[in-house]
Amino acid sequence: MASEWRVVASVDELWEGDVGEFYAGDLPILLVHLRSGELRAFAGTCPHAGFPLADGDVEGSVLTCSAHSWEFDLDTGAGLNPDNCRLQPYQVRRDGDHIVVALPPNGEARDVVNR
């Protein structure tokens, strides 16, 4: 079964350099609009404790989860501290004035903590 592309935001809702929490149905999506103009999309909750990532702090391209201070590279989704985890990425693209994300067939994020 193929991924389903869903509109999650308008381009005006996410300025360059911003991150934000948006939803595809009841699935939280963290959208990132890099200063380079590129878009990134990840599962909206921390793989450690399920805390909303949009509540975290962003410095440069590093997101620090506000629950337990785990750090992630927003360009790649790679875990920085600790480095044995990563954010669940979604394909994302601009479609006219909308930002659309490809959701997995089951509509759920995978566990991406390497144990």
PDB file of N, CA and C in Angstrom:
ATOM      1  N   MET A   1       0.850  -1.182   0.000  1.00  0.00           N
ATOM      2  CA  MET A   1       0.000   0.000   0.000  1.00  0.00           C
ATOM      3  C   MET A   1       0.898   1.249   0.000  1.00  0.00           C
ATOM      4  N   ALA A   2       0.586   2.214  -0.828  1.00  0.00           N
ATOM      5  CA  ALA A   2       1.393   3.425  -0.976  1.00  0.00           C
ATOM      6  C   ALA A   2       1.093   4.436   0.122  1.00  0.00           C
ATOM      7  N   SER A   3       2.054   5.327   0.313  1.00  0.00           N
ATOM      8  CA  SER A   3       1.851   6.414   1.265  1.00  0.00           C
ATOM      9  C   SER A   3       0.752   7.341   0.769  1.00  0.00           C
ATOM     10  N   GLU A   4       0.105   8.023   1.686  1.00  0.00           N
ATOM     11  CA  GLU A   4      -0.949   8.971   1.356  1.00  0.00           C
ATOM     12  C   GLU A   4      -0.440  10.387   1.612  1.00  0.00           C
ATOM     13  N   TRP A   5      -0.457  11.232   0.585  1.00  0.00           N
ATOM     14  CA  TRP A   5      -0.038  12.628   0.729  1.00  0.00           C
ATOM     15  C   TRP A   5      -1.189  13.431   1.311  1.00  0.00           C
ATOM     16  N   ARG A   6      -0.903  14.152   2.412  1.00  0.00           N
ATOM     17  CA  ARG A   6      -1.933  14.944   3.097  1.00  0.00           C
ATOM     18  C   ARG A   6      -1.450  16.372   3.304  1.00  0.00           C
ATOM     19  N   VAL A   7      -2.333  17.319   3.084  1.00  0.00           N
ATOM     20  CA  VAL A   7      -2.045  18.720   3.380  1.00  0.00           C
ATOM     21  C   VAL A   7      -2.008  18.868   4.897  1.00  0.00           C
ATOM     22  N   VAL A   8      -0.910  19.441   5.427  1.00  0.00           N
ATOM     23  CA  VAL A   8      -0.830  19.643   6.872  1.00  0.00           C
ATOM     24  C   VAL A   8      -0.708  21.111   7.256  1.00  0.00           C
ATOM     25  N   ALA A   9      -0.356  21.970   6.296  1.00  0.00           N
ATOM     26  CA  ALA A   9      -0.204  23.391   6.609  1.00  0.00           C
ATOM     27  C   ALA A   9      -0.186  24.189   5.317  1.00  0.00           C
ATOM     28  N   SER A  10      -0.361  25.491   5.452  1.00  0.00           N
ATOM     29  CA  SER A  10      -0.135  26.382   4.318  1.00  0.00           C
ATOM     30  C   SER A  10       1.284  26.931   4.455  1.00  0.00           C
ATOM     31  N   VAL A  11       1.837  27.355   3.354  1.00  0.00           N
ATOM     32  CA  VAL A  11       3.195  27.900   3.366  1.00  0.00           C
ATOM     33  C   VAL A  11       3.269  29.113   4.294  1.00  0.00           C
ATOM     34  N   ASP A  12       2.196  29.891   4.376  1.00  0.00           N
ATOM     35  CA  ASP A  12       2.178  31.083   5.233  1.00  0.00           C
ATOM     36  C   ASP A  12       2.205  30.760   6.724  1.00  0.00           C
ATOM     37  N   GLU A  13       1.916  29.517   7.094  1.00  0.00           N
ATOM     38  CA  GLU A  13       1.899  29.136   8.508  1.00  0.00           C
ATOM     39  C   GLU A  13       3.277  28.760   9.050  1.00  0.00           C
ATOM     40  N   LEU A  14       4.274  28.643   8.173  1.00  0.00           N
ATOM     41  CA  LEU A  14       5.587  28.192   8.616  1.00  0.00           C
ATOM     42  C   LEU A  14       6.674  28.976   7.881  1.00  0.00           C
ATOM     43  N   TRP A  15       7.172  30.016   8.523  1.00  0.00           N
ATOM     44  CA  TRP A  15       8.184  30.878   7.932  1.00  0.00           C
ATOM     45  C   TRP A  15       9.546  30.197   7.933  1.00  0.00           C
ATOM     46  N   GLU A  16      10.423  30.652   7.045  1.00  0.00           N
ATOM     47  CA  GLU A  16      11.797  30.138   7.025  1.00  0.00           C
ATOM     48  C   GLU A  16      12.422  30.285   8.401  1.00  0.00           C
ATOM     49  N   GLY A  17      13.072  29.214   8.876  1.00  0.00           N
ATOM     50  CA  GLY A  17      13.707  29.217  10.188  1.00  0.00           C
ATOM     51  C   GLY A  17      12.796  28.770  11.312  1.00  0.00           C
ATOM     52  N   ASP A  18      11.517  28.507  11.006  1.00  0.00           N
ATOM     53  CA  ASP A  18      10.549  28.121  12.037  1.00  0.00           C
ATOM     54  C   ASP A  18      10.341  26.613  12.098  1.00  0.00           C
ATOM     55  N   VAL A  19       9.877  26.164  13.251  1.00  0.00           N
ATOM     56  CA  VAL A  19       9.366  24.805  13.427  1.00  0.00           C
ATOM     57  C   VAL A  19       7.960  24.934  13.999  1.00  0.00           C
ATOM     58  N   GLY A  20       7.134  23.957  13.742  1.00  0.00           N
ATOM     59  CA  GLY A  20       5.784  24.006  14.283  1.00  0.00           C
ATOM     60  C   GLY A  20       5.135  22.648  14.298  1.00  0.00           C
ATOM     61  N   GLU A  21       4.151  22.518  15.171  1.00  0.00           N
ATOM     62  CA  GLU A  21       3.390  21.274  15.264  1.00  0.00           C
ATOM     63  C   GLU A  21       2.108  21.435  14.456  1.00  0.00           C
ATOM     64  N   PHE A  22       1.896  20.485  13.563  1.00  0.00           N
ATOM     65  CA  PHE A  22       0.700  20.450  12.737  1.00  0.00           C
ATOM     66  C   PHE A  22       0.140  19.035  12.816  1.00  0.00           C
ATOM     67  N   TYR A  23      -1.043  18.841  12.282  1.00  0.00           N
ATOM     68  CA  TYR A  23      -1.684  17.528  12.394  1.00  0.00           C
ATOM     69  C   TYR A  23      -2.154  17.018  11.047  1.00  0.00           C
ATOM     70  N   ALA A  24      -2.019  15.719  10.876  1.00  0.00           N
ATOM     71  CA  ALA A  24      -2.644  14.985   9.781  1.00  0.00           C
ATOM     72  C   ALA A  24      -3.645  14.080  10.476  1.00  0.00           C
ATOM     73  N   GLY A  25      -4.897  14.493  10.512  1.00  0.00           N
ATOM     74  CA  GLY A  25      -5.886  13.812  11.351  1.00  0.00           C
ATOM     75  C   GLY A  25      -5.489  14.019  12.795  1.00  0.00           C
ATOM     76  N   ASP A  26      -5.278  12.939  13.543  1.00  0.00           N
ATOM     77  CA  ASP A  26      -4.849  13.081  14.936  1.00  0.00           C
ATOM     78  C   ASP A  26      -3.360  12.791  15.106  1.00  0.00           C
ATOM     79  N   LEU A  27      -2.628  12.674  14.003  1.00  0.00           N
ATOM     80  CA  LEU A  27      -1.197  12.386  14.041  1.00  0.00           C
ATOM     81  C   LEU A  27      -0.397  13.688  14.068  1.00  0.00           C
ATOM     82  N   PRO A  28       0.347  13.969  15.168  1.00  0.00           N
ATOM     83  CA  PRO A  28       1.141  15.192  15.222  1.00  0.00           C
ATOM     84  C   PRO A  28       2.367  15.091  14.304  1.00  0.00           C
ATOM     85  N   ILE A  29       2.595  16.174  13.566  1.00  0.00           N
ATOM     86  CA  ILE A  29       3.713  16.267  12.633  1.00  0.00           C
ATOM     87  C   ILE A  29       4.535  17.492  13.011  1.00  0.00           C
ATOM     88  N   LEU A  30       5.852  17.316  13.139  1.00  0.00           N
ATOM     89  CA  LEU A  30       6.747  18.449  13.350  1.00  0.00           C
ATOM     90  C   LEU A  30       7.234  18.896  11.981  1.00  0.00           C
ATOM     91  N   LEU A  31       6.857  20.108  11.581  1.00  0.00           N
ATOM     92  CA  LEU A  31       7.342  20.670  10.326  1.00  0.00           C
ATOM     93  C   LEU A  31       8.486  21.621  10.613  1.00  0.00           C
ATOM     94  N   VAL A  32       9.501  21.551   9.772  1.00  0.00           N
ATOM     95  CA  VAL A  32      10.691  22.387   9.905  1.00  0.00           C
ATOM     96  C   VAL A  32      10.905  23.086   8.573  1.00  0.00           C
ATOM     97  N   HIS A  33      11.013  24.409   8.602  1.00  0.00           N
ATOM     98  CA  HIS A  33      11.329  25.183   7.404  1.00  0.00           C
ATOM     99  C   HIS A  33      12.739  25.724   7.614  1.00  0.00           C
ATOM    100  N   LEU A  34      13.708  25.017   7.058  1.00  0.00           N
ATOM    101  CA  LEU A  34      15.114  25.379   7.241  1.00  0.00           C
ATOM    102  C   LEU A  34      15.404  26.744   6.633  1.00  0.00           C
ATOM    103  N   ARG A  35      16.421  27.402   7.153  1.00  0.00           N
ATOM    104  CA  ARG A  35      16.796  28.717   6.632  1.00  0.00           C
ATOM    105  C   ARG A  35      17.208  28.648   5.162  1.00  0.00           C
ATOM    106  N   SER A  36      17.593  27.476   4.695  1.00  0.00           N
ATOM    107  CA  SER A  36      17.934  27.283   3.280  1.00  0.00           C
ATOM    108  C   SER A  36      16.685  27.260   2.400  1.00  0.00           C
ATOM    109  N   GLY A  37      15.504  27.231   3.020  1.00  0.00           N
ATOM    110  CA  GLY A  37      14.255  27.176   2.288  1.00  0.00           C
ATOM    111  C   GLY A  37      13.696  25.772   2.161  1.00  0.00           C
ATOM    112  N   GLU A  38      14.490  24.756   2.504  1.00  0.00           N
ATOM    113  CA  GLU A  38      14.024  23.373   2.425  1.00  0.00           C
ATOM    114  C   GLU A  38      13.075  23.052   3.572  1.00  0.00           C
ATOM    115  N   LEU A  39      12.202  22.093   3.312  1.00  0.00           N
ATOM    116  CA  LEU A  39      11.248  21.636   4.318  1.00  0.00           C
ATOM    117  C   LEU A  39      11.645  20.262   4.829  1.00  0.00           C
ATOM    118  N   ARG A  40      11.373  20.014   6.102  1.00  0.00           N
ATOM    119  CA  ARG A  40      11.550  18.702   6.707  1.00  0.00           C
ATOM    120  C   ARG A  40      10.280  18.410   7.513  1.00  0.00           C
ATOM    121  N   ALA A  41       9.947  17.130   7.612  1.00  0.00           N
ATOM    122  CA  ALA A  41       8.799  16.711   8.417  1.00  0.00           C
ATOM    123  C   ALA A  41       9.193  15.469   9.203  1.00  0.00           C
ATOM    124  N   PHE A  42       8.800  15.465  10.470  1.00  0.00           N
ATOM    125  CA  PHE A  42       9.108  14.351  11.364  1.00  0.00           C
ATOM    126  C   PHE A  42       7.878  14.052  12.213  1.00  0.00           C
ATOM    127  N   ALA A  43       7.851  12.856  12.787  1.00  0.00           N
ATOM    128  CA  ALA A  43       6.820  12.564  13.778  1.00  0.00           C
ATOM    129  C   ALA A  43       6.916  13.640  14.857  1.00  0.00           C
ATOM    130  N   GLY A  44       5.785  14.096  15.339  1.00  0.00           N
ATOM    131  CA  GLY A  44       5.749  15.251  16.229  1.00  0.00           C
ATOM    132  C   GLY A  44       6.064  14.995  17.680  1.00  0.00           C
ATOM    133  N   THR A  45       6.360  13.736  18.035  1.00  0.00           N
ATOM    134  CA  THR A  45       6.659  13.434  19.435  1.00  0.00           C
ATOM    135  C   THR A  45       8.051  12.843  19.578  1.00  0.00           C
ATOM    136  N   CYS A  46       8.663  13.106  20.710  1.00  0.00           N
ATOM    137  CA  CYS A  46      10.013  12.617  21.003  1.00  0.00           C
ATOM    138  C   CYS A  46      10.006  11.086  21.055  1.00  0.00           C
ATOM    139  N   PRO A  47      10.969  10.438  20.406  1.00  0.00           N
ATOM    140  CA  PRO A  47      11.018   8.974  20.445  1.00  0.00           C
ATOM    141  C   PRO A  47      11.336   8.418  21.827  1.00  0.00           C
ATOM    142  N   HIS A  48      11.770   9.270  22.736  1.00  0.00           N
ATOM    143  CA  HIS A  48      12.111   8.839  24.089  1.00  0.00           C
ATOM    144  C   HIS A  48      10.881   8.699  24.967  1.00  0.00           C
ATOM    145  N   ALA A  49      10.095   9.766  25.039  1.00  0.00           N
ATOM    146  CA  ALA A  49       8.988   9.754  25.992  1.00  0.00           C
ATOM    147  C   ALA A  49       7.667  10.219  25.394  1.00  0.00           C
ATOM    148  N   GLY A  50       7.623  10.429  24.082  1.00  0.00           N
ATOM    149  CA  GLY A  50       6.383  10.830  23.446  1.00  0.00           C
ATOM    150  C   GLY A  50       5.967  12.259  23.707  1.00  0.00           C
ATOM    151  N   PHE A  51       6.887  13.094  24.193  1.00  0.00           N
ATOM    152  CA  PHE A  51       6.581  14.490  24.504  1.00  0.00           C
ATOM    153  C   PHE A  51       6.532  15.298  23.210  1.00  0.00           C
ATOM    154  N   PRO A  52       5.660  16.311  23.093  1.00  0.00           N
ATOM    155  CA  PRO A  52       5.575  17.112  21.872  1.00  0.00           C
ATOM    156  C   PRO A  52       6.891  17.838  21.568  1.00  0.00           C
ATOM    157  N   LEU A  53       7.452  17.567  20.406  1.00  0.00           N
ATOM    158  CA  LEU A  53       8.738  18.174  20.043  1.00  0.00           C
ATOM    159  C   LEU A  53       8.640  19.673  19.787  1.00  0.00           C
ATOM    160  N   ALA A  54       7.487  20.143  19.342  1.00  0.00           N
ATOM    161  CA  ALA A  54       7.330  21.574  19.065  1.00  0.00           C
ATOM    162  C   ALA A  54       7.471  22.417  20.329  1.00  0.00           C
ATOM    163  N   ASP A  55       7.362  21.799  21.509  1.00  0.00           N
ATOM    164  CA  ASP A  55       7.547  22.522  22.769  1.00  0.00           C
ATOM    165  C   ASP A  55       9.023  22.693  23.121  1.00  0.00           C
ATOM    166  N   GLY A  56       9.904  22.082  22.326  1.00  0.00           N
ATOM    167  CA  GLY A  56      11.334  22.145  22.607  1.00  0.00           C
ATOM    168  C   GLY A  56      11.954  23.462  22.173  1.00  0.00           C
ATOM    169  N   ASP A  57      13.239  23.589  22.447  1.00  0.00           N
ATOM    170  CA  ASP A  57      14.005  24.781  22.084  1.00  0.00           C
ATOM    171  C   ASP A  57      14.815  24.495  20.828  1.00  0.00           C
ATOM    172  N   VAL A  58      14.884  25.488  19.948  1.00  0.00           N
ATOM    173  CA  VAL A  58      15.663  25.364  18.723  1.00  0.00           C
ATOM    174  C   VAL A  58      16.780  26.386  18.749  1.00  0.00           C
ATOM    175  N   GLU A  59      17.992  25.889  18.536  1.00  0.00           N
ATOM    176  CA  GLU A  59      19.150  26.777  18.406  1.00  0.00           C
ATOM    177  C   GLU A  59      19.902  26.339  17.164  1.00  0.00           C
ATOM    178  N   GLY A  60      19.915  27.195  16.155  1.00  0.00           N
ATOM    179  CA  GLY A  60      20.501  26.802  14.879  1.00  0.00           C
ATOM    180  C   GLY A  60      19.655  25.695  14.286  1.00  0.00           C
ATOM    181  N   SER A  61      20.268  24.553  14.012  1.00  0.00           N
ATOM    182  CA  SER A  61      19.521  23.414  13.465  1.00  0.00           C
ATOM    183  C   SER A  61      19.359  22.299  14.491  1.00  0.00           C
ATOM    184  N   VAL A  62      19.523  22.633  15.777  1.00  0.00           N
ATOM    185  CA  VAL A  62      19.407  21.631  16.838  1.00  0.00           C
ATOM    186  C   VAL A  62      18.141  21.886  17.657  1.00  0.00           C
ATOM    187  N   LEU A  63      17.318  20.845  17.750  1.00  0.00           N
ATOM    188  CA  LEU A  63      16.119  20.880  18.581  1.00  0.00           C
ATOM    189  C   LEU A  63      16.410  20.126  19.864  1.00  0.00           C
ATOM    190  N   THR A  64      16.137  20.762  21.005  1.00  0.00           N
ATOM    191  CA  THR A  64      16.290  20.111  22.305  1.00  0.00           C
ATOM    192  C   THR A  64      14.905  19.875  22.877  1.00  0.00           C
ATOM    193  N   CYS A  65      14.579  18.606  23.095  1.00  0.00           N
ATOM    194  CA  CYS A  65      13.285  18.242  23.665  1.00  0.00           C
ATOM    195  C   CYS A  65      13.194  18.829  25.074  1.00  0.00           C
ATOM    196  N   SER A  66      12.069  19.472  25.370  1.00  0.00           N
ATOM    197  CA  SER A  66      11.920  20.129  26.672  1.00  0.00           C
ATOM    198  C   SER A  66      11.626  19.148  27.805  1.00  0.00           C
ATOM    199  N   ALA A  67      11.327  17.891  27.486  1.00  0.00           N
ATOM    200  CA  ALA A  67      11.034  16.919  28.544  1.00  0.00           C
ATOM    201  C   ALA A  67      12.300  16.390  29.204  1.00  0.00           C
ATOM    202  N   HIS A  68      13.266  15.929  28.386  1.00  0.00           N
ATOM    203  CA  HIS A  68      14.455  15.307  28.967  1.00  0.00           C
ATOM    204  C   HIS A  68      15.742  15.753  28.291  1.00  0.00           C
ATOM    205  N   SER A  69      15.682  16.844  27.547  1.00  0.00           N
ATOM    206  CA  SER A  69      16.852  17.470  26.912  1.00  0.00           C
ATOM    207  C   SER A  69      17.542  16.613  25.852  1.00  0.00           C
ATOM    208  N   TRP A  70      16.824  15.663  25.255  1.00  0.00           N
ATOM    209  CA  TRP A  70      17.402  14.956  24.116  1.00  0.00           C
ATOM    210  C   TRP A  70      17.532  15.952  22.968  1.00  0.00           C
ATOM    211  N   GLU A  71      18.599  15.816  22.175  1.00  0.00           N
ATOM    212  CA  GLU A  71      18.867  16.759  21.086  1.00  0.00           C
ATOM    213  C   GLU A  71      18.826  16.051  19.739  1.00  0.00           C
ATOM    214  N   PHE A  72      18.283  16.765  18.739  1.00  0.00           N
ATOM    215  CA  PHE A  72      18.139  16.218  17.396  1.00  0.00           C
ATOM    216  C   PHE A  72      18.569  17.244  16.358  1.00  0.00           C
ATOM    217  N   ASP A  73      19.181  16.757  15.287  1.00  0.00           N
ATOM    218  CA  ASP A  73      19.553  17.589  14.148  1.00  0.00           C
ATOM    219  C   ASP A  73      18.314  17.730  13.264  1.00  0.00           C
ATOM    220  N   LEU A  74      17.817  18.949  13.101  1.00  0.00           N
ATOM    221  CA  LEU A  74      16.592  19.158  12.333  1.00  0.00           C
ATOM    222  C   LEU A  74      16.791  19.012  10.831  1.00  0.00           C
ATOM    223  N   ASP A  75      18.027  19.025  10.376  1.00  0.00           N
ATOM    224  CA  ASP A  75      18.270  18.830   8.951  1.00  0.00           C
ATOM    225  C   ASP A  75      18.144  17.357   8.576  1.00  0.00           C
ATOM    226  N   THR A  76      18.579  16.471   9.473  1.00  0.00           N
ATOM    227  CA  THR A  76      18.612  15.037   9.163  1.00  0.00           C
ATOM    228  C   THR A  76      17.700  14.191  10.051  1.00  0.00           C
ATOM    229  N   GLY A  77      17.324  14.696  11.211  1.00  0.00           N
ATOM    230  CA  GLY A  77      16.551  13.917  12.182  1.00  0.00           C
ATOM    231  C   GLY A  77      17.410  13.062  13.092  1.00  0.00           C
ATOM    232  N   ALA A  78      18.728  13.075  12.870  1.00  0.00           N
ATOM    233  CA  ALA A  78      19.644  12.254  13.668  1.00  0.00           C
ATOM    234  C   ALA A  78      19.684  12.722  15.116  1.00  0.00           C
ATOM    235  N   GLY A  79      19.775  11.751  16.015  1.00  0.00           N
ATOM    236  CA  GLY A  79      19.962  12.070  17.418  1.00  0.00           C
ATOM    237  C   GLY A  79      21.382  12.550  17.651  1.00  0.00           C
ATOM    238  N   LEU A  80      21.529  13.596  18.444  1.00  0.00           N
ATOM    239  CA  LEU A  80      22.842  14.125  18.791  1.00  0.00           C
ATOM    240  C   LEU A  80      23.218  13.774  20.212  1.00  0.00           C
ATOM    241  N   ASN A  81      22.232  13.804  21.101  1.00  0.00           N
ATOM    242  CA  ASN A  81      22.454  13.487  22.496  1.00  0.00           C
ATOM    243  C   ASN A  81      21.169  12.881  23.051  1.00  0.00           C
ATOM    244  N   PRO A  82      21.068  11.565  23.072  1.00  0.00           N
ATOM    245  CA  PRO A  82      22.063  10.566  22.691  1.00  0.00           C
ATOM    246  C   PRO A  82      22.081  10.371  21.170  1.00  0.00           C
ATOM    247  N   ASP A  83      23.113   9.690  20.695  1.00  0.00           N
ATOM    248  CA  ASP A  83      23.260   9.504  19.258  1.00  0.00           C
ATOM    249  C   ASP A  83      22.725   8.161  18.758  1.00  0.00           C
ATOM    250  N   ASN A  84      22.052   7.408  19.606  1.00  0.00           N
ATOM    251  CA  ASN A  84      21.518   6.101  19.205  1.00  0.00           C
ATOM    252  C   ASN A  84      20.021   6.156  18.894  1.00  0.00           C
ATOM    253  N   CYS A  85      19.533   7.322  18.509  1.00  0.00           N
ATOM    254  CA  CYS A  85      18.127   7.474  18.170  1.00  0.00           C
ATOM    255  C   CYS A  85      18.016   8.437  17.002  1.00  0.00           C
ATOM    256  N   ARG A  86      16.827   8.562  16.464  1.00  0.00           N
ATOM    257  CA  ARG A  86      16.580   9.555  15.429  1.00  0.00           C
ATOM    258  C   ARG A  86      15.089   9.835  15.366  1.00  0.00           C
ATOM    259  N   LEU A  87      14.754  10.954  14.778  1.00  0.00           N
ATOM    260  CA  LEU A  87      13.358  11.300  14.584  1.00  0.00           C
ATOM    261  C   LEU A  87      12.807  10.522  13.391  1.00  0.00           C
ATOM    262  N   GLN A  88      11.537  10.160  13.458  1.00  0.00           N
ATOM    263  CA  GLN A  88      10.867   9.473  12.353  1.00  0.00           C
ATOM    264  C   GLN A  88      10.596  10.485  11.248  1.00  0.00           C
ATOM    265  N   PRO A  89      11.263  10.344  10.096  1.00  0.00           N
ATOM    266  CA  PRO A  89      11.041  11.313   9.016  1.00  0.00           C
ATOM    267  C   PRO A  89       9.819  10.958   8.167  1.00  0.00           C
ATOM    268  N   TYR A  90       9.238  11.989   7.572  1.00  0.00           N
ATOM    269  CA  TYR A  90       8.195  11.824   6.574  1.00  0.00           C
ATOM    270  C   TYR A  90       8.637  12.581   5.330  1.00  0.00           C
ATOM    271  N   GLN A  91       8.250  12.089   4.162  1.00  0.00           N
ATOM    272  CA  GLN A  91       8.484  12.851   2.948  1.00  0.00           C
ATOM    273  C   GLN A  91       7.612  14.094   3.014  1.00  0.00           C
ATOM    274  N   VAL A  92       8.156  15.208   2.537  1.00  0.00           N
ATOM    275  CA  VAL A  92       7.415  16.465   2.582  1.00  0.00           C
ATOM    276  C   VAL A  92       7.728  17.252   1.319  1.00  0.00           C
ATOM    277  N   ARG A  93       6.750  18.009   0.863  1.00  0.00           N
ATOM    278  CA  ARG A  93       6.964  18.868  -0.307  1.00  0.00           C
ATOM    279  C   ARG A  93       5.985  20.031  -0.278  1.00  0.00           C
ATOM    280  N   ARG A  94       6.315  21.020  -1.042  1.00  0.00           N
ATOM    281  CA  ARG A  94       5.414  22.155  -1.232  1.00  0.00           C
ATOM    282  C   ARG A  94       4.549  21.843  -2.445  1.00  0.00           C
ATOM    283  N   ASP A  95       3.258  22.092  -2.322  1.00  0.00           N
ATOM    284  CA  ASP A  95       2.320  21.892  -3.412  1.00  0.00           C
ATOM    285  C   ASP A  95       1.499  23.174  -3.526  1.00  0.00           C
ATOM    286  N   GLY A  96       1.952  24.074  -4.373  1.00  0.00           N
ATOM    287  CA  GLY A  96       1.314  25.390  -4.465  1.00  0.00           C
ATOM    288  C   GLY A  96       1.524  26.139  -3.167  1.00  0.00           C
ATOM    289  N   ASP A  97       0.444  26.532  -2.516  1.00  0.00           N
ATOM    290  CA  ASP A  97       0.516  27.263  -1.244  1.00  0.00           C
ATOM    291  C   ASP A  97       0.421  26.342  -0.034  1.00  0.00           C
ATOM    292  N   HIS A  98       0.499  25.036  -0.270  1.00  0.00           N
ATOM    293  CA  HIS A  98       0.361  24.071   0.816  1.00  0.00           C
ATOM    294  C   HIS A  98       1.643  23.278   1.051  1.00  0.00           C
ATOM    295  N   ILE A  99       1.778  22.796   2.280  1.00  0.00           N
ATOM    296  CA  ILE A  99       2.839  21.858   2.635  1.00  0.00           C
ATOM    297  C   ILE A  99       2.153  20.517   2.817  1.00  0.00           C
ATOM    298  N   VAL A 100       2.612  19.523   2.053  1.00  0.00           N
ATOM    299  CA  VAL A 100       2.005  18.191   2.107  1.00  0.00           C
ATOM    300  C   VAL A 100       3.032  17.178   2.585  1.00  0.00           C
ATOM    301  N   VAL A 101       2.552  16.201   3.331  1.00  0.00           N
ATOM    302  CA  VAL A 101       3.396  15.172   3.939  1.00  0.00           C
ATOM    303  C   VAL A 101       2.874  13.805   3.521  1.00  0.00           C
ATOM    304  N   ALA A 102       3.790  12.888   3.195  1.00  0.00           N
ATOM    305  CA  ALA A 102       3.419  11.513   2.865  1.00  0.00           C
ATOM    306  C   ALA A 102       3.358  10.701   4.147  1.00  0.00           C
ATOM    307  N   LEU A 103       2.180  10.210   4.461  1.00  0.00           N
ATOM    308  CA  LEU A 103       1.998   9.412   5.667  1.00  0.00           C
ATOM    309  C   LEU A 103       2.199   7.946   5.343  1.00  0.00           C
ATOM    310  N   PRO A 104       2.761   7.187   6.282  1.00  0.00           N
ATOM    311  CA  PRO A 104       2.918   5.746   6.051  1.00  0.00           C
ATOM    312  C   PRO A 104       1.541   5.096   5.909  1.00  0.00           C
ATOM    313  N   PRO A 105       1.492   3.965   5.236  1.00  0.00           N
ATOM    314  CA  PRO A 105       0.196   3.311   4.998  1.00  0.00           C
ATOM    315  C   PRO A 105      -0.629   3.072   6.256  1.00  0.00           C
ATOM    316  N   ASN A 106       0.025   2.764   7.384  1.00  0.00           N
ATOM    317  CA  ASN A 106      -0.734   2.512   8.611  1.00  0.00           C
ATOM    318  C   ASN A 106      -1.013   3.786   9.390  1.00  0.00           C
ATOM    319  N   GLY A 107      -0.474   4.938   8.925  1.00  0.00           N
ATOM    320  CA  GLY A 107      -0.739   6.213   9.570  1.00  0.00           C
ATOM    321  C   GLY A 107      -0.032   6.416  10.889  1.00  0.00           C
ATOM    322  N   GLU A 108       0.916   5.543  11.220  1.00  0.00           N
ATOM    323  CA  GLU A 108       1.589   5.647  12.504  1.00  0.00           C
ATOM    324  C   GLU A 108       3.086   5.792  12.315  1.00  0.00           C
ATOM    325  N   ALA A 109       3.710   6.447  13.267  1.00  0.00           N
ATOM    326  CA  ALA A 109       5.156   6.573  13.272  1.00  0.00           C
ATOM    327  C   ALA A 109       5.768   5.288  13.809  1.00  0.00           C
ATOM    328  N   ARG A 110       6.957   4.970  13.315  1.00  0.00           N
ATOM    329  CA  ARG A 110       7.689   3.800  13.825  1.00  0.00           C
ATOM    330  C   ARG A 110       8.534   4.206  15.017  1.00  0.00           C
ATOM    331  N   ASP A 111       8.889   3.235  15.822  1.00  0.00           N
ATOM    332  CA  ASP A 111       9.849   3.441  16.906  1.00  0.00           C
ATOM    333  C   ASP A 111      11.217   3.548  16.276  1.00  0.00           C
ATOM    334  N   VAL A 112      11.909   4.658  16.508  1.00  0.00           N
ATOM    335  CA  VAL A 112      13.205   4.851  15.876  1.00  0.00           C
ATOM    336  C   VAL A 112      14.324   4.996  16.902  1.00  0.00           C
ATOM    337  N   VAL A 113      14.114   4.491  18.085  1.00  0.00           N
ATOM    338  CA  VAL A 113      15.179   4.438  19.076  1.00  0.00           C
ATOM    339  C   VAL A 113      15.919   3.130  18.868  1.00  0.00           C
ATOM    340  N   ASN A 114      17.210   3.189  18.652  1.00  0.00           N
ATOM    341  CA  ASN A 114      18.005   1.971  18.505  1.00  0.00           C
ATOM    342  C   ASN A 114      18.333   1.441  19.887  1.00  0.00           C
ATOM    343  N   ARG A 115      17.945   0.242  20.148  1.00  0.00           N
ATOM    344  CA  ARG A 115      18.173  -0.312  21.479  1.00  0.00           C
ATOM    345  C   ARG A 115      19.300  -1.322  21.430  1.00  0.00           C
TER     346      ARG A 115
END
